[in-house]
Amino acid sequence: MKSPIAAALLVFSLIAAAQTVPAQTAPVQQKGDISSLAPPEHPATEAQIREYLTLNHAVDNAHRVMITALRGSRATSAPYLTPGFWDDMEKAVLQIDFVPLVVPAYQKYLSQEDMAAIIAFYKTPPGQRILASQQFIESTISDAARKAGEQAGIEVGKKHAEEIQRLMNQQQQQKPAAVQWPPPSDQPVNP
């Protein structure tokens, strides 16, 4: 049972990481000079980072994403992973304090001054508006991307329709003969 728990925790750590980084299917090449991202002389404090993460609901969102993934895994899991196991996993996931895990990343790139300005912005009416609308913006973008992906799939499917049909026909011809049941009446049935 130790192995499934370790695997589950690894999956959840990846999900949490994905929550703090824009979703992407392939690495995006970074633009700009890395020297401009040198560690600041006075890195953001843990208290500032904690306040920032509270303002933008990052920890709540990470927990929500992890619980959603956990429930999806629960629905399709092996039967030896009992309801008690999954209940305990949910409780354990909700107990994770992400702040100490992410503090070094924020401190590597953001100064105390940067974080103070970010926090100050989120406390302004425009900052509050972006926080309130962010989930709806992300949902709209996600829906638009899904529709664009579907349209691209339709177009590519049309372009390759003949090739796909030819390969499907070849595969159908290579399938072994199906077992007939019940067998014809002139063949004995072995019990």
C-alpha atoms as a PDB file:
ATOM      1  CA  MET A   1       0.000   0.000   0.000  1.00  0.00           C
ATOM      2  CA  LYS A   2       3.008   2.275   0.428  1.00  0.00           C
ATOM      3  CA  SER A   3       3.581   2.422  -3.338  1.00  0.00           C
ATOM      4  CA  PRO A   4       0.067   3.705  -4.288  1.00  0.00           C
ATOM      5  CA  ILE A   5       0.315   6.380  -1.595  1.00  0.00           C
ATOM      6  CA  ALA A   6       3.675   7.536  -2.905  1.00  0.00           C
ATOM      7  CA  ALA A   7       2.309   7.556  -6.448  1.00  0.00           C
ATOM      8  CA  ALA A   8      -0.761   9.523  -5.357  1.00  0.00           C
ATOM      9  CA  LEU A   9       1.374  12.101  -3.581  1.00  0.00           C
ATOM     10  CA  LEU A  10       3.590  12.459  -6.644  1.00  0.00           C
ATOM     11  CA  VAL A  11       0.538  13.029  -8.849  1.00  0.00           C
ATOM     12  CA  PHE A  12      -0.794  15.620  -6.448  1.00  0.00           C
ATOM     13  CA  SER A  13       2.528  17.427  -6.305  1.00  0.00           C
ATOM     14  CA  LEU A  14       2.505  17.683 -10.079  1.00  0.00           C
ATOM     15  CA  ILE A  15      -1.071  18.952 -10.046  1.00  0.00           C
ATOM     16  CA  ALA A  16      -0.184  21.582  -7.474  1.00  0.00           C
ATOM     17  CA  ALA A  17       2.781  22.691  -9.537  1.00  0.00           C
ATOM     18  CA  ALA A  18       0.553  22.964 -12.592  1.00  0.00           C
ATOM     19  CA  GLN A  19      -1.814  25.185 -10.621  1.00  0.00           C
ATOM     20  CA  THR A  20       0.893  27.775 -10.013  1.00  0.00           C
ATOM     21  CA  VAL A  21       2.193  27.788 -13.596  1.00  0.00           C
ATOM     22  CA  PRO A  22       0.130  28.508 -16.735  1.00  0.00           C
ATOM     23  CA  ALA A  23      -1.020  25.259 -18.304  1.00  0.00           C
ATOM     24  CA  GLN A  24       1.070  24.191 -21.263  1.00  0.00           C
ATOM     25  CA  THR A  25       1.622  21.031 -23.227  1.00  0.00           C
ATOM     26  CA  ALA A  26       5.197  21.729 -24.259  1.00  0.00           C
ATOM     27  CA  PRO A  27       7.929  23.854 -22.747  1.00  0.00           C
ATOM     28  CA  VAL A  28       7.669  27.475 -23.781  1.00  0.00           C
ATOM     29  CA  GLN A  29      10.910  29.164 -24.625  1.00  0.00           C
ATOM     30  CA  GLN A  30      11.485  32.068 -22.277  1.00  0.00           C
ATOM     31  CA  LYS A  31      12.218  35.467 -23.773  1.00  0.00           C
ATOM     32  CA  GLY A  32      14.531  38.010 -22.260  1.00  0.00           C
ATOM     33  CA  ASP A  33      17.788  38.035 -20.443  1.00  0.00           C
ATOM     34  CA  ILE A  34      18.020  35.695 -17.441  1.00  0.00           C
ATOM     35  CA  SER A  35      20.228  38.224 -15.672  1.00  0.00           C
ATOM     36  CA  SER A  36      17.159  40.429 -15.262  1.00  0.00           C
ATOM     37  CA  LEU A  37      15.753  37.636 -13.117  1.00  0.00           C
ATOM     38  CA  ALA A  38      18.711  37.455 -10.773  1.00  0.00           C
ATOM     39  CA  PRO A  39      17.759  36.855  -7.136  1.00  0.00           C
ATOM     40  CA  PRO A  40      16.864  40.112  -5.428  1.00  0.00           C
ATOM     41  CA  GLU A  41      19.061  41.578  -2.716  1.00  0.00           C
ATOM     42  CA  HIS A  42      16.109  41.606  -0.285  1.00  0.00           C
ATOM     43  CA  PRO A  43      13.865  38.649  -1.180  1.00  0.00           C
ATOM     44  CA  ALA A  44      10.167  38.731  -0.381  1.00  0.00           C
ATOM     45  CA  THR A  45       9.408  37.556   3.122  1.00  0.00           C
ATOM     46  CA  GLU A  46       7.410  34.450   3.928  1.00  0.00           C
ATOM     47  CA  ALA A  47       4.755  36.668   5.506  1.00  0.00           C
ATOM     48  CA  GLN A  48       4.440  38.687   2.275  1.00  0.00           C
ATOM     49  CA  ILE A  49       4.234  35.538   0.180  1.00  0.00           C
ATOM     50  CA  ARG A  50       1.631  34.058   2.532  1.00  0.00           C
ATOM     51  CA  GLU A  51      -0.449  37.269   2.266  1.00  0.00           C
ATOM     52  CA  TYR A  52      -0.138  37.274  -1.527  1.00  0.00           C
ATOM     53  CA  LEU A  53      -1.213  33.621  -1.736  1.00  0.00           C
ATOM     54  CA  THR A  54      -4.155  34.366   0.552  1.00  0.00           C
ATOM     55  CA  LEU A  55      -5.243  37.351  -1.532  1.00  0.00           C
ATOM     56  CA  ASN A  56      -5.173  35.410  -4.800  1.00  0.00           C
ATOM     57  CA  HIS A  57      -6.619  32.224  -3.250  1.00  0.00           C
ATOM     58  CA  ALA A  58      -3.736  30.152  -4.632  1.00  0.00           C
ATOM     59  CA  VAL A  59      -3.675  27.683  -1.743  1.00  0.00           C
ATOM     60  CA  ASP A  60      -7.448  27.188  -1.822  1.00  0.00           C
ATOM     61  CA  ASN A  61      -7.299  26.686  -5.585  1.00  0.00           C
ATOM     62  CA  ALA A  62      -4.438  24.199  -5.293  1.00  0.00           C
ATOM     63  CA  HIS A  63      -6.378  22.221  -2.681  1.00  0.00           C
ATOM     64  CA  ARG A  64      -9.504  22.315  -4.871  1.00  0.00           C
ATOM     65  CA  VAL A  65      -7.616  21.063  -7.924  1.00  0.00           C
ATOM     66  CA  MET A  66      -5.971  18.305  -5.911  1.00  0.00           C
ATOM     67  CA  ILE A  67      -9.274  17.166  -4.347  1.00  0.00           C
ATOM     68  CA  THR A  68     -10.931  17.127  -7.774  1.00  0.00           C
ATOM     69  CA  ALA A  69      -8.099  15.004  -9.171  1.00  0.00           C
ATOM     70  CA  LEU A  70      -8.192  12.793  -6.102  1.00  0.00           C
ATOM     71  CA  ARG A  71     -11.920  12.172  -6.519  1.00  0.00           C
ATOM     72  CA  GLY A  72     -11.384  11.325 -10.177  1.00  0.00           C
ATOM     73  CA  SER A  73      -8.697   8.839  -9.196  1.00  0.00           C
ATOM     74  CA  ARG A  74     -10.950   7.426  -6.492  1.00  0.00           C
ATOM     75  CA  ALA A  75     -13.707   6.722  -9.008  1.00  0.00           C
ATOM     76  CA  THR A  76     -11.402   4.597 -11.161  1.00  0.00           C
ATOM     77  CA  SER A  77      -9.076   3.147  -8.539  1.00  0.00           C
ATOM     78  CA  ALA A  78      -8.277  -0.452  -7.781  1.00  0.00           C
ATOM     79  CA  PRO A  79     -10.632  -2.020  -5.246  1.00  0.00           C
ATOM     80  CA  TYR A  80      -7.867  -2.545  -2.681  1.00  0.00           C
ATOM     81  CA  LEU A  81      -7.726   1.246  -2.244  1.00  0.00           C
ATOM     82  CA  THR A  82     -10.593   1.406   0.215  1.00  0.00           C
ATOM     83  CA  PRO A  83     -12.991   4.275   0.926  1.00  0.00           C
ATOM     84  CA  GLY A  84     -11.081   4.827   4.168  1.00  0.00           C
ATOM     85  CA  PHE A  85      -7.844   5.246   2.218  1.00  0.00           C
ATOM     86  CA  TRP A  86      -9.441   7.859  -0.057  1.00  0.00           C
ATOM     87  CA  ASP A  87     -11.077   9.694   2.857  1.00  0.00           C
ATOM     88  CA  ASP A  88      -7.701   9.844   4.607  1.00  0.00           C
ATOM     89  CA  MET A  89      -6.038  11.047   1.384  1.00  0.00           C
ATOM     90  CA  GLU A  90      -8.541  13.917   1.122  1.00  0.00           C
ATOM     91  CA  LYS A  91      -7.890  14.904   4.740  1.00  0.00           C
ATOM     92  CA  ALA A  92      -4.116  14.682   4.198  1.00  0.00           C
ATOM     93  CA  VAL A  93      -4.253  16.782   1.023  1.00  0.00           C
ATOM     94  CA  LEU A  94      -6.251  19.491   2.776  1.00  0.00           C
ATOM     95  CA  GLN A  95      -3.600  19.596   5.517  1.00  0.00           C
ATOM     96  CA  ILE A  96      -0.751  20.376   3.107  1.00  0.00           C
ATOM     97  CA  ASP A  97       0.732  23.809   3.755  1.00  0.00           C
ATOM     98  CA  PHE A  98       1.927  24.916   0.341  1.00  0.00           C
ATOM     99  CA  VAL A  99       3.486  28.151   1.501  1.00  0.00           C
ATOM    100  CA  PRO A 100       6.793  26.699   2.769  1.00  0.00           C
ATOM    101  CA  LEU A 101       6.991  24.690  -0.455  1.00  0.00           C
ATOM    102  CA  VAL A 102       6.685  27.740  -2.719  1.00  0.00           C
ATOM    103  CA  VAL A 103       8.470  30.426  -0.672  1.00  0.00           C
ATOM    104  CA  PRO A 104      11.913  29.698  -2.186  1.00  0.00           C
ATOM    105  CA  ALA A 105      10.578  30.093  -5.725  1.00  0.00           C
ATOM    106  CA  TYR A 106       9.022  33.473  -4.972  1.00  0.00           C
ATOM    107  CA  GLN A 107      12.095  34.620  -3.049  1.00  0.00           C
ATOM    108  CA  LYS A 108      14.347  33.705  -5.957  1.00  0.00           C
ATOM    109  CA  TYR A 109      12.632  36.223  -8.245  1.00  0.00           C
ATOM    110  CA  LEU A 110      10.677  38.747  -6.167  1.00  0.00           C
ATOM    111  CA  SER A 111      12.003  41.298  -3.712  1.00  0.00           C
ATOM    112  CA  GLN A 112      10.262  42.613  -0.637  1.00  0.00           C
ATOM    113  CA  GLU A 113       9.532  45.765  -2.623  1.00  0.00           C
ATOM    114  CA  ASP A 114       8.088  43.768  -5.545  1.00  0.00           C
ATOM    115  CA  MET A 115       5.844  41.755  -3.273  1.00  0.00           C
ATOM    116  CA  ALA A 116       4.714  44.868  -1.370  1.00  0.00           C
ATOM    117  CA  ALA A 117       3.667  46.475  -4.675  1.00  0.00           C
ATOM    118  CA  ILE A 118       1.884  43.291  -5.822  1.00  0.00           C
ATOM    119  CA  ILE A 119       0.001  43.021  -2.533  1.00  0.00           C
ATOM    120  CA  ALA A 120      -0.869  46.720  -2.663  1.00  0.00           C
ATOM    121  CA  PHE A 121      -2.234  46.253  -6.196  1.00  0.00           C
ATOM    122  CA  TYR A 122      -4.425  43.312  -5.188  1.00  0.00           C
ATOM    123  CA  LYS A 123      -5.917  45.466  -2.439  1.00  0.00           C
ATOM    124  CA  THR A 124      -6.984  48.189  -4.924  1.00  0.00           C
ATOM    125  CA  PRO A 125     -10.369  48.093  -6.705  1.00  0.00           C
ATOM    126  CA  PRO A 126      -8.740  46.917  -9.998  1.00  0.00           C
ATOM    127  CA  GLY A 127      -6.791  44.266  -8.081  1.00  0.00           C
ATOM    128  CA  GLN A 128      -9.948  43.077  -6.361  1.00  0.00           C
ATOM    129  CA  ARG A 129     -11.733  43.023  -9.719  1.00  0.00           C
ATOM    130  CA  ILE A 130      -9.063  40.841 -11.348  1.00  0.00           C
ATOM    131  CA  LEU A 131      -9.178  38.493  -8.362  1.00  0.00           C
ATOM    132  CA  ALA A 132     -12.969  38.271  -8.522  1.00  0.00           C
ATOM    133  CA  SER A 133     -13.049  37.731 -12.276  1.00  0.00           C
ATOM    134  CA  GLN A 134      -9.971  35.515 -12.703  1.00  0.00           C
ATOM    135  CA  GLN A 135     -11.820  32.185 -12.547  1.00  0.00           C
ATOM    136  CA  PHE A 136     -14.339  33.406 -15.124  1.00  0.00           C
ATOM    137  CA  ILE A 137     -11.576  34.743 -17.373  1.00  0.00           C
ATOM    138  CA  GLU A 138      -9.732  31.416 -17.138  1.00  0.00           C
ATOM    139  CA  SER A 139     -12.949  29.497 -17.848  1.00  0.00           C
ATOM    140  CA  THR A 140     -13.664  31.668 -20.905  1.00  0.00           C
ATOM    141  CA  ILE A 141     -10.117  31.224 -22.186  1.00  0.00           C
ATOM    142  CA  SER A 142     -10.256  27.471 -21.545  1.00  0.00           C
ATOM    143  CA  ASP A 143     -13.561  27.167 -23.415  1.00  0.00           C
ATOM    144  CA  ALA A 144     -12.244  29.213 -26.347  1.00  0.00           C
ATOM    145  CA  ALA A 145      -9.057  27.104 -26.472  1.00  0.00           C
ATOM    146  CA  ARG A 146     -11.096  23.875 -26.352  1.00  0.00           C
ATOM    147  CA  LYS A 147     -13.319  25.060 -29.224  1.00  0.00           C
ATOM    148  CA  ALA A 148     -10.278  26.151 -31.251  1.00  0.00           C
ATOM    149  CA  GLY A 149      -8.679  22.751 -30.613  1.00  0.00           C
ATOM    150  CA  GLU A 150     -11.834  20.956 -31.708  1.00  0.00           C
ATOM    151  CA  GLN A 151     -11.960  23.039 -34.895  1.00  0.00           C
ATOM    152  CA  ALA A 152      -8.289  22.326 -35.593  1.00  0.00           C
ATOM    153  CA  GLY A 153      -9.015  18.607 -35.086  1.00  0.00           C
ATOM    154  CA  ILE A 154     -11.900  18.751 -37.548  1.00  0.00           C
ATOM    155  CA  GLU A 155      -9.756  20.502 -40.151  1.00  0.00           C
ATOM    156  CA  VAL A 156      -6.823  18.117 -39.729  1.00  0.00           C
ATOM    157  CA  GLY A 157      -9.244  15.164 -39.760  1.00  0.00           C
ATOM    158  CA  LYS A 158     -10.695  16.363 -43.069  1.00  0.00           C
ATOM    159  CA  LYS A 159      -7.198  16.777 -44.502  1.00  0.00           C
ATOM    160  CA  HIS A 160      -6.238  13.210 -43.549  1.00  0.00           C
ATOM    161  CA  ALA A 161      -9.675  11.575 -43.992  1.00  0.00           C
ATOM    162  CA  GLU A 162      -8.684   9.386 -46.938  1.00  0.00           C
ATOM    163  CA  GLU A 163      -5.504   8.168 -45.252  1.00  0.00           C
ATOM    164  CA  ILE A 164      -7.347   7.452 -42.008  1.00  0.00           C
ATOM    165  CA  GLN A 165     -10.086   5.555 -43.820  1.00  0.00           C
ATOM    166  CA  ARG A 166      -7.515   3.496 -45.752  1.00  0.00           C
ATOM    167  CA  LEU A 167      -5.654   2.574 -42.557  1.00  0.00           C
ATOM    168  CA  MET A 168      -8.897   1.725 -40.771  1.00  0.00           C
ATOM    169  CA  ASN A 169      -9.889  -0.558 -43.640  1.00  0.00           C
ATOM    170  CA  GLN A 170      -6.486  -2.271 -43.498  1.00  0.00           C
ATOM    171  CA  GLN A 171      -6.831  -2.820 -39.785  1.00  0.00           C
ATOM    172  CA  GLN A 172     -10.322  -4.265 -40.202  1.00  0.00           C
ATOM    173  CA  GLN A 173      -9.018  -6.736 -42.775  1.00  0.00           C
ATOM    174  CA  GLN A 174      -6.206  -7.856 -40.463  1.00  0.00           C
ATOM    175  CA  LYS A 175      -8.471  -8.642 -37.510  1.00  0.00           C
ATOM    176  CA  PRO A 176      -8.744 -12.342 -36.640  1.00  0.00           C
ATOM    177  CA  ALA A 177     -12.061 -13.982 -37.348  1.00  0.00           C
ATOM    178  CA  ALA A 178     -14.583 -13.337 -34.625  1.00  0.00           C
ATOM    179  CA  VAL A 179     -15.676 -16.201 -32.431  1.00  0.00           C
ATOM    180  CA  GLN A 180     -19.212 -17.142 -33.263  1.00  0.00           C
ATOM    181  CA  TRP A 181     -21.568 -17.771 -30.368  1.00  0.00           C
ATOM    182  CA  PRO A 182     -23.496 -19.859 -30.173  1.00  0.00           C
ATOM    183  CA  PRO A 183     -21.546 -22.195 -32.411  1.00  0.00           C
ATOM    184  CA  PRO A 184     -23.297 -23.580 -35.467  1.00  0.00           C
ATOM    185  CA  SER A 185     -25.545 -26.520 -34.563  1.00  0.00           C
ATOM    186  CA  ASP A 186     -23.353 -28.992 -36.439  1.00  0.00           C
ATOM    187  CA  GLN A 187     -20.374 -28.294 -34.088  1.00  0.00           C
ATOM    188  CA  PRO A 188     -20.310 -29.817 -30.600  1.00  0.00           C
ATOM    189  CA  VAL A 189     -19.979 -27.528 -27.581  1.00  0.00           C
ATOM    190  CA  ASN A 190     -17.259 -28.496 -25.111  1.00  0.00           C
ATOM    191  CA  PRO A 191     -18.371 -27.881 -21.507  1.00  0.00           C
END
